[in-house]
Amino acid sequence: MLKEKVAEVLEKVRPMLQRDGGDVELVDVQEDGVVKVRLTGACAGCPMSTMTLKNAIEDTIKKEVPGIKSVEQV
């Protein structure tokens, strides 16, 4: 259930990433509230990817899915 909610939220941020030639892939949602994602395309090698991960992806997920503590890139 939690994984589906996180996937729905990622669909909301995905268009912003795709505009710049990147994307995000959901890898796992752990029981301790840690979400694992993989940035792909232009996002994979972008020097701003850490900011994108924390400021766009993590903030959005944490606001919309209770119980999520952090988002980590794998």
Protein backbone atom coordinates (compact mmCIF):
# COMPACT_ATOMS: atom_id res chain seq x y z
CA MET A 1 0.00 0.00 0.00
CA LEU A 2 2.77 2.44 0.94
CA LYS A 3 4.72 1.61 -2.22
CA GLU A 4 1.67 2.40 -4.38
CA LYS A 5 1.22 5.79 -2.68
CA VAL A 6 4.86 6.67 -3.23
CA ALA A 7 4.59 5.60 -6.89
CA GLU A 8 1.59 7.91 -7.33
CA VAL A 9 3.53 10.86 -5.93
CA LEU A 10 6.48 10.10 -8.21
CA GLU A 11 4.10 10.37 -11.16
CA LYS A 12 3.48 13.99 -10.10
CA VAL A 13 7.18 14.96 -10.09
CA ARG A 14 8.15 12.87 -13.13
CA PRO A 15 7.07 15.47 -15.78
CA MET A 16 9.42 18.06 -14.23
CA LEU A 17 12.33 15.61 -14.51
CA GLN A 18 11.40 14.51 -18.02
CA ARG A 19 11.36 18.13 -19.23
CA ASP A 20 15.10 18.18 -18.57
CA GLY A 21 15.74 14.75 -20.09
CA GLY A 22 15.75 12.77 -16.84
CA ASP A 23 13.47 10.45 -14.94
CA VAL A 24 13.09 8.67 -11.62
CA GLU A 25 12.52 4.97 -10.95
CA LEU A 26 11.10 3.62 -7.69
CA VAL A 27 13.36 0.84 -6.40
CA ASP A 28 11.98 0.10 -2.94
CA VAL A 29 9.99 1.42 0.00
CA GLN A 30 11.35 0.01 3.24
CA GLU A 31 9.33 -0.62 6.39
CA ASP A 32 11.39 1.99 8.27
CA GLY A 33 10.08 4.74 5.94
CA VAL A 34 13.10 4.98 3.64
CA VAL A 35 12.35 5.24 -0.08
CA LYS A 36 15.00 4.07 -2.55
CA VAL A 37 14.96 5.61 -6.03
CA ARG A 38 17.17 5.55 -9.09
CA LEU A 39 17.61 8.72 -11.11
CA THR A 40 17.97 8.01 -14.83
CA GLY A 41 18.67 9.86 -18.04
CA ALA A 42 20.08 13.36 -17.64
CA CYS A 43 19.40 13.22 -13.88
CA ALA A 44 21.83 10.33 -13.40
CA GLY A 45 24.92 12.41 -14.09
CA CYS A 46 23.64 15.87 -13.24
CA PRO A 47 25.58 17.82 -10.60
CA MET A 48 22.24 19.16 -9.31
CA SER A 49 20.75 15.68 -8.81
CA THR A 50 21.21 15.74 -5.02
CA MET A 51 19.26 18.99 -4.82
CA THR A 52 16.56 17.59 -7.09
CA LEU A 53 16.36 14.46 -4.97
CA LYS A 54 16.00 16.30 -1.66
CA ASN A 55 14.15 19.49 -2.66
CA ALA A 56 11.74 18.13 -5.24
CA ILE A 57 11.33 14.39 -4.82
CA GLU A 58 11.84 13.88 -1.07
CA ASP A 59 9.89 16.98 0.01
CA THR A 60 6.92 16.07 -2.19
CA ILE A 61 6.82 12.45 -1.03
CA LYS A 62 7.15 13.39 2.66
CA LYS A 63 4.30 15.92 2.37
CA GLU A 64 1.93 13.51 0.66
CA VAL A 65 2.78 10.12 2.20
CA PRO A 66 2.76 9.95 6.01
CA GLY A 67 5.46 7.77 7.50
CA ILE A 68 8.16 8.44 4.93
CA LYS A 69 11.37 9.57 6.63
CA SER A 70 13.77 9.99 3.73
CA VAL A 71 14.45 9.33 0.06
CA GLU A 72 17.81 7.90 -0.98
CA GLN A 73 19.38 7.44 -4.37
CA VAL A 74 20.74 4.00 -5.27
